[in-house]
């Protein structure tokens, strides 16, 4: 009985709010500018809330299912992770004229040195049957007058727990590109005052691919691991659209020599 009454009251409030904004739409043409500014401010506040709800609703009602966390894992995998931007909705979900150091959620940051940004991004919903990740990240680059463009993807603290030089780190990606796009992946591991870096060229001729980073050939201090991140570096990105459908990182022990 209580739930039914609550639903009736919620429906009544919804109708009142809808009636108010329907009237405001009609009154906006003739009301004084001071009142119109106040109405616009309230409308923008509500729009942000509605946009967020709609974004989450569309995400949850479309496959692949959010929260499944399905990751392709080769044998002997000890740890696997899909960054937030590919696992669930993030804020902001899209932006144009992106400035350098723009955050996408908590883990992804865009870096570039353009004097005039003609770069846009948006989070998109994956719908292919072969996609394991719920979301992808689409970047549209028009005129690009800078010398570098990269996405820095922070790995969580648990990525360093138990990490040793005897481990292999494997980066799996699914990428779609309007035209041929040269890309590199750079693994960064900070330990104390030093940072180990390993660079791999990405072969995005195929939609799905992976690269491995072998820590055996680094000077990584296993006792001082502080943070880990991956830079995805775009070479000559001008006039292109690149959609990164999935990014996962897994860890497994390397074979004994």
C-alpha atoms as a PDB file:
ATOM      1  CA  UNK A   1       0.000   0.000   0.000  1.00  0.00           C
ATOM      2  CA  UNK A   2       2.797   2.427   0.909  1.00  0.00           C
ATOM      3  CA  UNK A   3       4.665   1.748  -2.344  1.00  0.00           C
ATOM      4  CA  UNK A   4       1.491   2.291  -4.357  1.00  0.00           C
ATOM      5  CA  UNK A   5       0.830   5.619  -2.621  1.00  0.00           C
ATOM      6  CA  UNK A   6       4.427   6.713  -3.203  1.00  0.00           C
ATOM      7  CA  UNK A   7       4.127   5.890  -6.906  1.00  0.00           C
ATOM      8  CA  UNK A   8       0.894   7.897  -7.170  1.00  0.00           C
ATOM      9  CA  UNK A   9       2.525  10.930  -5.513  1.00  0.00           C
ATOM     10  CA  UNK A  10       5.610  10.621  -7.763  1.00  0.00           C
ATOM     11  CA  UNK A  11       3.381  10.548 -10.852  1.00  0.00           C
ATOM     12  CA  UNK A  12       1.473  13.597  -9.582  1.00  0.00           C
ATOM     13  CA  UNK A  13       4.733  15.552  -9.049  1.00  0.00           C
ATOM     14  CA  UNK A  14       5.931  14.532 -12.501  1.00  0.00           C
ATOM     15  CA  UNK A  15       2.748  15.893 -14.087  1.00  0.00           C
ATOM     16  CA  UNK A  16       3.094  19.154 -12.171  1.00  0.00           C
ATOM     17  CA  UNK A  17       6.706  19.628 -13.272  1.00  0.00           C
ATOM     18  CA  UNK A  18       5.837  18.777 -16.869  1.00  0.00           C
ATOM     19  CA  UNK A  19       2.954  21.272 -16.801  1.00  0.00           C
ATOM     20  CA  UNK A  20       5.240  23.983 -15.386  1.00  0.00           C
ATOM     21  CA  UNK A  21       7.868  23.566 -18.087  1.00  0.00           C
ATOM     22  CA  UNK A  22       5.267  23.300 -20.835  1.00  0.00           C
ATOM     23  CA  UNK A  23       3.925  26.666 -19.684  1.00  0.00           C
ATOM     24  CA  UNK A  24       7.430  28.104 -19.471  1.00  0.00           C
ATOM     25  CA  UNK A  25       8.056  27.072 -23.081  1.00  0.00           C
ATOM     26  CA  UNK A  26       5.087  29.137 -24.195  1.00  0.00           C
ATOM     27  CA  UNK A  27       5.810  32.112 -21.887  1.00  0.00           C
ATOM     28  CA  UNK A  28       9.483  32.328 -22.911  1.00  0.00           C
ATOM     29  CA  UNK A  29       8.604  34.199 -26.094  1.00  0.00           C
ATOM     30  CA  UNK A  30       7.118  37.180 -24.267  1.00  0.00           C
ATOM     31  CA  UNK A  31       8.461  37.264 -20.681  1.00  0.00           C
ATOM     32  CA  UNK A  32      10.898  40.017 -19.540  1.00  0.00           C
ATOM     33  CA  UNK A  33      14.564  39.257 -20.170  1.00  0.00           C
ATOM     34  CA  UNK A  34      15.391  39.156 -16.455  1.00  0.00           C
ATOM     35  CA  UNK A  35      12.809  36.398 -15.922  1.00  0.00           C
ATOM     36  CA  UNK A  36      13.965  34.628 -19.096  1.00  0.00           C
ATOM     37  CA  UNK A  37      17.556  34.484 -17.828  1.00  0.00           C
ATOM     38  CA  UNK A  38      16.384  32.937 -14.566  1.00  0.00           C
ATOM     39  CA  UNK A  39      14.233  30.415 -16.448  1.00  0.00           C
ATOM     40  CA  UNK A  40      17.152  29.495 -18.692  1.00  0.00           C
ATOM     41  CA  UNK A  41      19.382  28.931 -15.662  1.00  0.00           C
ATOM     42  CA  UNK A  42      16.840  26.549 -14.142  1.00  0.00           C
ATOM     43  CA  UNK A  43      16.346  24.802 -17.481  1.00  0.00           C
ATOM     44  CA  UNK A  44      20.088  24.217 -17.847  1.00  0.00           C
ATOM     45  CA  UNK A  45      20.266  22.731 -14.349  1.00  0.00           C
ATOM     46  CA  UNK A  46      17.456  20.315 -15.126  1.00  0.00           C
ATOM     47  CA  UNK A  47      18.878  19.474 -18.552  1.00  0.00           C
ATOM     48  CA  UNK A  48      22.175  18.356 -17.029  1.00  0.00           C
ATOM     49  CA  UNK A  49      20.344  16.018 -14.660  1.00  0.00           C
ATOM     50  CA  UNK A  50      18.103  14.668 -17.428  1.00  0.00           C
ATOM     51  CA  UNK A  51      21.055  14.157 -19.797  1.00  0.00           C
ATOM     52  CA  UNK A  52      22.894  12.170 -17.129  1.00  0.00           C
ATOM     53  CA  UNK A  53      19.861   9.976 -16.401  1.00  0.00           C
ATOM     54  CA  UNK A  54      19.281   9.398 -20.101  1.00  0.00           C
ATOM     55  CA  UNK A  55      22.946   8.503 -20.658  1.00  0.00           C
ATOM     56  CA  UNK A  56      22.899   5.940 -17.846  1.00  0.00           C
ATOM     57  CA  UNK A  57      19.509   4.535 -18.910  1.00  0.00           C
ATOM     58  CA  UNK A  58      20.573   4.049 -22.528  1.00  0.00           C
ATOM     59  CA  UNK A  59      23.777   2.424 -21.331  1.00  0.00           C
ATOM     60  CA  UNK A  60      22.014  -0.044 -19.040  1.00  0.00           C
ATOM     61  CA  UNK A  61      19.299  -0.939 -21.537  1.00  0.00           C
ATOM     62  CA  UNK A  62      21.711  -1.764 -24.365  1.00  0.00           C
ATOM     63  CA  UNK A  63      24.023  -4.744 -24.777  1.00  0.00           C
ATOM     64  CA  UNK A  64      26.784  -5.608 -23.901  1.00  0.00           C
ATOM     65  CA  UNK A  65      25.518  -5.536 -20.324  1.00  0.00           C
ATOM     66  CA  UNK A  66      27.287  -3.048 -18.066  1.00  0.00           C
ATOM     67  CA  UNK A  67      29.028  -4.667 -15.135  1.00  0.00           C
ATOM     68  CA  UNK A  68      29.676  -8.015 -16.818  1.00  0.00           C
ATOM     69  CA  UNK A  69      33.420  -7.212 -16.814  1.00  0.00           C
ATOM     70  CA  UNK A  70      34.057  -9.970 -19.334  1.00  0.00           C
ATOM     71  CA  UNK A  71      37.724  -9.904 -20.368  1.00  0.00           C
ATOM     72  CA  UNK A  72      39.573 -12.264 -22.672  1.00  0.00           C
ATOM     73  CA  UNK A  73      42.237 -13.858 -20.508  1.00  0.00           C
ATOM     74  CA  UNK A  74      45.083 -16.022 -21.811  1.00  0.00           C
ATOM     75  CA  UNK A  75      46.260 -18.963 -19.677  1.00  0.00           C
ATOM     76  CA  UNK A  76      48.010 -18.155 -16.372  1.00  0.00           C
ATOM     77  CA  UNK A  77      46.482 -14.673 -16.147  1.00  0.00           C
ATOM     78  CA  UNK A  78      46.924 -13.304 -12.605  1.00  0.00           C
ATOM     79  CA  UNK A  79      45.262  -9.918 -12.966  1.00  0.00           C
ATOM     80  CA  UNK A  80      43.020  -8.282 -15.567  1.00  0.00           C
ATOM     81  CA  UNK A  81      41.498  -4.821 -15.793  1.00  0.00           C
ATOM     82  CA  UNK A  82      39.311  -2.725 -18.087  1.00  0.00           C
ATOM     83  CA  UNK A  83      39.605   1.058 -17.476  1.00  0.00           C
ATOM     84  CA  UNK A  84      36.494   2.989 -16.462  1.00  0.00           C
ATOM     85  CA  UNK A  85      35.960   4.749 -19.794  1.00  0.00           C
ATOM     86  CA  UNK A  86      35.307   1.369 -21.443  1.00  0.00           C
ATOM     87  CA  UNK A  87      33.527  -0.287 -18.507  1.00  0.00           C
ATOM     88  CA  UNK A  88      30.818   2.239 -17.570  1.00  0.00           C
ATOM     89  CA  UNK A  89      29.506   5.774 -18.116  1.00  0.00           C
ATOM     90  CA  UNK A  90      31.947   8.588 -17.338  1.00  0.00           C
ATOM     91  CA  UNK A  91      31.735  12.368 -17.040  1.00  0.00           C
ATOM     92  CA  UNK A  92      32.085  14.244 -19.247  1.00  0.00           C
ATOM     93  CA  UNK A  93      30.716  11.805 -21.819  1.00  0.00           C
ATOM     94  CA  UNK A  94      31.678  14.124 -24.675  1.00  0.00           C
ATOM     95  CA  UNK A  95      33.347  17.453 -25.412  1.00  0.00           C
ATOM     96  CA  UNK A  96      34.400  19.608 -28.376  1.00  0.00           C
ATOM     97  CA  UNK A  97      37.436  21.897 -28.719  1.00  0.00           C
ATOM     98  CA  UNK A  98      39.181  19.732 -26.134  1.00  0.00           C
ATOM     99  CA  UNK A  99      42.002  21.418 -24.225  1.00  0.00           C
ATOM    100  CA  UNK A 100      45.138  19.579 -23.135  1.00  0.00           C
ATOM    101  CA  UNK A 101      44.971  17.710 -19.815  1.00  0.00           C
ATOM    102  CA  UNK A 102      41.223  17.219 -20.211  1.00  0.00           C
ATOM    103  CA  UNK A 103      40.056  14.372 -17.974  1.00  0.00           C
ATOM    104  CA  UNK A 104      37.613  11.705 -19.176  1.00  0.00           C
ATOM    105  CA  UNK A 105      36.344  10.185 -15.964  1.00  0.00           C
ATOM    106  CA  UNK A 106      38.976   9.484 -13.323  1.00  0.00           C
ATOM    107  CA  UNK A 107      41.507   7.477 -15.333  1.00  0.00           C
ATOM    108  CA  UNK A 108      41.870   8.894 -18.860  1.00  0.00           C
ATOM    109  CA  UNK A 109      43.516  12.220 -19.744  1.00  0.00           C
ATOM    110  CA  UNK A 110      43.966  13.791 -23.192  1.00  0.00           C
ATOM    111  CA  UNK A 111      47.275  15.543 -23.912  1.00  0.00           C
ATOM    112  CA  UNK A 112      48.139  17.647 -26.982  1.00  0.00           C
ATOM    113  CA  UNK A 113      49.960  20.851 -27.892  1.00  0.00           C
ATOM    114  CA  UNK A 114      47.576  22.383 -30.440  1.00  0.00           C
ATOM    115  CA  UNK A 115      47.370  26.153 -30.516  1.00  0.00           C
ATOM    116  CA  UNK A 116      43.746  25.892 -31.670  1.00  0.00           C
ATOM    117  CA  UNK A 117      41.972  22.683 -30.714  1.00  0.00           C
ATOM    118  CA  UNK A 118      39.799  21.049 -33.360  1.00  0.00           C
ATOM    119  CA  UNK A 119      39.550  17.840 -31.380  1.00  0.00           C
ATOM    120  CA  UNK A 120      36.370  16.276 -30.014  1.00  0.00           C
ATOM    121  CA  UNK A 121      35.614  13.088 -28.130  1.00  0.00           C
ATOM    122  CA  UNK A 122      32.553  11.242 -26.923  1.00  0.00           C
ATOM    123  CA  UNK A 123      31.809   8.002 -25.178  1.00  0.00           C
ATOM    124  CA  UNK A 124      29.794   5.653 -27.386  1.00  0.00           C
ATOM    125  CA  UNK A 125      27.840   2.495 -26.659  1.00  0.00           C
ATOM    126  CA  UNK A 126      29.220  -0.715 -28.155  1.00  0.00           C
ATOM    127  CA  UNK A 127      26.669  -2.924 -29.928  1.00  0.00           C
ATOM    128  CA  UNK A 128      28.753  -5.440 -31.909  1.00  0.00           C
ATOM    129  CA  UNK A 129      28.298  -9.084 -30.932  1.00  0.00           C
ATOM    130  CA  UNK A 130      32.069  -9.500 -30.589  1.00  0.00           C
ATOM    131  CA  UNK A 131      32.436  -6.519 -28.238  1.00  0.00           C
ATOM    132  CA  UNK A 132      32.985  -7.477 -24.614  1.00  0.00           C
ATOM    133  CA  UNK A 133      33.161  -3.891 -23.337  1.00  0.00           C
ATOM    134  CA  UNK A 134      29.939  -1.888 -22.871  1.00  0.00           C
ATOM    135  CA  UNK A 135      31.484   1.393 -24.060  1.00  0.00           C
ATOM    136  CA  UNK A 136      33.948   2.762 -26.570  1.00  0.00           C
ATOM    137  CA  UNK A 137      35.728   6.106 -26.852  1.00  0.00           C
ATOM    138  CA  UNK A 138      35.480   8.011 -30.153  1.00  0.00           C
ATOM    139  CA  UNK A 139      37.860  10.809 -31.110  1.00  0.00           C
ATOM    140  CA  UNK A 140      37.248  13.163 -34.027  1.00  0.00           C
ATOM    141  CA  UNK A 141      40.270  15.166 -35.136  1.00  0.00           C
ATOM    142  CA  UNK A 142      39.895  17.851 -37.780  1.00  0.00           C
ATOM    143  CA  UNK A 143      42.767  20.257 -38.478  1.00  0.00           C
ATOM    144  CA  UNK A 144      45.648  19.352 -36.142  1.00  0.00           C
ATOM    145  CA  UNK A 145      48.414  21.949 -35.804  1.00  0.00           C
ATOM    146  CA  UNK A 146      50.230  20.309 -32.883  1.00  0.00           C
ATOM    147  CA  UNK A 147      53.161  17.910 -32.673  1.00  0.00           C
ATOM    148  CA  UNK A 148      51.632  15.263 -30.393  1.00  0.00           C
ATOM    149  CA  UNK A 149      48.309  13.772 -29.296  1.00  0.00           C
ATOM    150  CA  UNK A 150      47.984  11.083 -26.647  1.00  0.00           C
ATOM    151  CA  UNK A 151      45.613   9.447 -24.204  1.00  0.00           C
ATOM    152  CA  UNK A 152      47.073   8.645 -20.786  1.00  0.00           C
ATOM    153  CA  UNK A 153      45.274   5.755 -19.067  1.00  0.00           C
ATOM    154  CA  UNK A 154      45.929   5.338 -15.349  1.00  0.00           C
ATOM    155  CA  UNK A 155      46.026   1.812 -13.976  1.00  0.00           C
ATOM    156  CA  UNK A 156      44.574   1.202 -10.481  1.00  0.00           C
ATOM    157  CA  UNK A 157      46.863   0.715  -7.422  1.00  0.00           C
ATOM    158  CA  UNK A 158      46.244  -3.050  -7.426  1.00  0.00           C
ATOM    159  CA  UNK A 159      48.065  -3.270 -10.765  1.00  0.00           C
ATOM    160  CA  UNK A 160      51.322  -2.910  -8.803  1.00  0.00           C
ATOM    161  CA  UNK A 161      50.509  -5.396  -6.065  1.00  0.00           C
ATOM    162  CA  UNK A 162      52.847  -8.343  -6.499  1.00  0.00           C
ATOM    163  CA  UNK A 163      54.255  -6.937  -9.753  1.00  0.00           C
ATOM    164  CA  UNK A 164      57.722  -8.328 -10.535  1.00  0.00           C
ATOM    165  CA  UNK A 165      60.251  -8.226 -13.331  1.00  0.00           C
ATOM    166  CA  UNK A 166      59.268 -11.797 -14.097  1.00  0.00           C
ATOM    167  CA  UNK A 167      55.846 -10.598 -15.327  1.00  0.00           C
ATOM    168  CA  UNK A 168      54.486  -9.854 -18.777  1.00  0.00           C
ATOM    169  CA  UNK A 169      51.886  -7.117 -19.184  1.00  0.00           C
ATOM    170  CA  UNK A 170      49.585  -7.504 -22.157  1.00  0.00           C
ATOM    171  CA  UNK A 171      47.505  -4.695 -23.666  1.00  0.00           C
ATOM    172  CA  UNK A 172      44.481  -5.818 -25.709  1.00  0.00           C
ATOM    173  CA  UNK A 173      42.619  -3.309 -27.865  1.00  0.00           C
ATOM    174  CA  UNK A 174      39.834  -3.059 -30.415  1.00  0.00           C
ATOM    175  CA  UNK A 175      40.186  -0.003 -32.654  1.00  0.00           C
ATOM    176  CA  UNK A 176      38.253   1.293 -35.659  1.00  0.00           C
ATOM    177  CA  UNK A 177      39.657   4.084 -37.827  1.00  0.00           C
ATOM    178  CA  UNK A 178      38.279   5.980 -40.817  1.00  0.00           C
ATOM    179  CA  UNK A 179      41.717   5.984 -42.426  1.00  0.00           C
ATOM    180  CA  UNK A 180      45.060   4.348 -41.633  1.00  0.00           C
ATOM    181  CA  UNK A 181      46.243   5.635 -38.277  1.00  0.00           C
ATOM    182  CA  UNK A 182      49.725   5.076 -36.863  1.00  0.00           C
ATOM    183  CA  UNK A 183      49.631   4.495 -33.109  1.00  0.00           C
ATOM    184  CA  UNK A 184      52.032   3.566 -30.337  1.00  0.00           C
ATOM    185  CA  UNK A 185      51.507   2.327 -26.789  1.00  0.00           C
ATOM    186  CA  UNK A 186      53.973   3.350 -24.071  1.00  0.00           C
ATOM    187  CA  UNK A 187      53.906   1.584 -20.715  1.00  0.00           C
ATOM    188  CA  UNK A 188      55.099   3.748 -17.818  1.00  0.00           C
ATOM    189  CA  UNK A 189      55.917   2.373 -14.347  1.00  0.00           C
ATOM    190  CA  UNK A 190      57.111   4.826 -11.714  1.00  0.00           C
ATOM    191  CA  UNK A 191      59.271   3.357  -8.943  1.00  0.00           C
ATOM    192  CA  UNK A 192      60.813   5.841  -6.536  1.00  0.00           C
ATOM    193  CA  UNK A 193      62.382   8.726  -8.481  1.00  0.00           C
ATOM    194  CA  UNK A 194      62.628   6.660 -11.684  1.00  0.00           C
ATOM    195  CA  UNK A 195      60.157   5.727 -14.403  1.00  0.00           C
ATOM    196  CA  UNK A 196      60.532   2.678 -16.632  1.00  0.00           C
ATOM    197  CA  UNK A 197      59.132   3.061 -20.144  1.00  0.00           C
ATOM    198  CA  UNK A 198      58.488   0.444 -22.832  1.00  0.00           C
ATOM    199  CA  UNK A 199      57.158   1.479 -26.257  1.00  0.00           C
ATOM    200  CA  UNK A 200      55.328  -0.784 -28.693  1.00  0.00           C
ATOM    201  CA  UNK A 201      53.954   0.026 -32.132  1.00  0.00           C
ATOM    202  CA  UNK A 202      50.309  -0.914 -32.564  1.00  0.00           C
ATOM    203  CA  UNK A 203      49.214  -2.756 -35.684  1.00  0.00           C
ATOM    204  CA  UNK A 204      45.680  -1.473 -36.163  1.00  0.00           C
ATOM    205  CA  UNK A 205      45.318  -3.047 -39.604  1.00  0.00           C
ATOM    206  CA  UNK A 206      43.184  -5.595 -37.775  1.00  0.00           C
ATOM    207  CA  UNK A 207      40.251  -4.461 -35.650  1.00  0.00           C
ATOM    208  CA  UNK A 208      41.426  -6.491 -32.654  1.00  0.00           C
ATOM    209  CA  UNK A 209      45.077  -6.789 -31.603  1.00  0.00           C
ATOM    210  CA  UNK A 210      47.404  -6.970 -28.607  1.00  0.00           C
ATOM    211  CA  UNK A 211      50.973  -6.147 -27.583  1.00  0.00           C
ATOM    212  CA  UNK A 212      53.086  -7.354 -24.659  1.00  0.00           C
ATOM    213  CA  UNK A 213      55.495  -5.528 -22.364  1.00  0.00           C
ATOM    214  CA  UNK A 214      58.234  -7.708 -20.870  1.00  0.00           C
ATOM    215  CA  UNK A 215      59.454  -6.299 -17.542  1.00  0.00           C
ATOM    216  CA  UNK A 216      62.473  -8.628 -17.444  1.00  0.00           C
ATOM    217  CA  UNK A 217      64.520  -6.210 -19.571  1.00  0.00           C
ATOM    218  CA  UNK A 218      63.778  -3.168 -17.393  1.00  0.00           C
ATOM    219  CA  UNK A 219      65.353  -1.845 -14.191  1.00  0.00           C
ATOM    220  CA  UNK A 220      62.026  -1.925 -12.372  1.00  0.00           C
ATOM    221  CA  UNK A 221      62.497  -1.942  -8.579  1.00  0.00           C
ATOM    222  CA  UNK A 222      59.856  -4.373  -7.339  1.00  0.00           C
ATOM    223  CA  UNK A 223      59.881  -2.907  -3.824  1.00  0.00           C
ATOM    224  CA  UNK A 224      59.207   0.692  -4.879  1.00  0.00           C
ATOM    225  CA  UNK A 225      56.396   0.474  -7.424  1.00  0.00           C
ATOM    226  CA  UNK A 226      54.396   3.698  -7.166  1.00  0.00           C
ATOM    227  CA  UNK A 227      52.118   4.068 -10.197  1.00  0.00           C
ATOM    228  CA  UNK A 228      51.481   2.676 -13.663  1.00  0.00           C
ATOM    229  CA  UNK A 229      49.885   4.184 -16.751  1.00  0.00           C
ATOM    230  CA  UNK A 230      49.721   3.624 -20.504  1.00  0.00           C
ATOM    231  CA  UNK A 231      50.070   6.358 -23.113  1.00  0.00           C
ATOM    232  CA  UNK A 232      48.276   5.781 -26.424  1.00  0.00           C
ATOM    233  CA  UNK A 233      50.132   8.005 -28.895  1.00  0.00           C
ATOM    234  CA  UNK A 234      48.603   9.083 -32.230  1.00  0.00           C
ATOM    235  CA  UNK A 235      50.901   9.964 -35.139  1.00  0.00           C
ATOM    236  CA  UNK A 236      49.495  12.361 -37.763  1.00  0.00           C
ATOM    237  CA  UNK A 237      45.911  12.269 -36.459  1.00  0.00           C
ATOM    238  CA  UNK A 238      44.606  15.147 -38.611  1.00  0.00           C
ATOM    239  CA  UNK A 239      41.241  14.672 -40.385  1.00  0.00           C
ATOM    240  CA  UNK A 240      40.438  11.293 -38.898  1.00  0.00           C
ATOM    241  CA  UNK A 241      37.930   9.571 -36.644  1.00  0.00           C
ATOM    242  CA  UNK A 242      39.252   6.851 -34.357  1.00  0.00           C
ATOM    243  CA  UNK A 243      36.995   4.738 -32.150  1.00  0.00           C
ATOM    244  CA  UNK A 244      38.702   2.722 -29.423  1.00  0.00           C
ATOM    245  CA  UNK A 245      36.111   0.046 -28.725  1.00  0.00           C
ATOM    246  CA  UNK A 246      37.944  -1.695 -25.914  1.00  0.00           C
ATOM    247  CA  UNK A 247      41.095  -1.501 -23.794  1.00  0.00           C
ATOM    248  CA  UNK A 248      42.146  -4.169 -21.295  1.00  0.00           C
ATOM    249  CA  UNK A 249      45.376  -4.893 -19.455  1.00  0.00           C
ATOM    250  CA  UNK A 250      46.289  -8.333 -18.120  1.00  0.00           C
ATOM    251  CA  UNK A 251      49.299  -9.637 -16.188  1.00  0.00           C
ATOM    252  CA  UNK A 252      50.821 -13.091 -16.295  1.00  0.00           C
ATOM    253  CA  UNK A 253      54.210 -14.640 -15.467  1.00  0.00           C
ATOM    254  CA  UNK A 254      56.726 -14.917 -18.306  1.00  0.00           C
ATOM    255  CA  UNK A 255      58.078 -18.326 -19.251  1.00  0.00           C
ATOM    256  CA  UNK A 256      61.300 -19.286 -17.458  1.00  0.00           C
ATOM    257  CA  UNK A 257      64.496 -19.001 -19.519  1.00  0.00           C
END
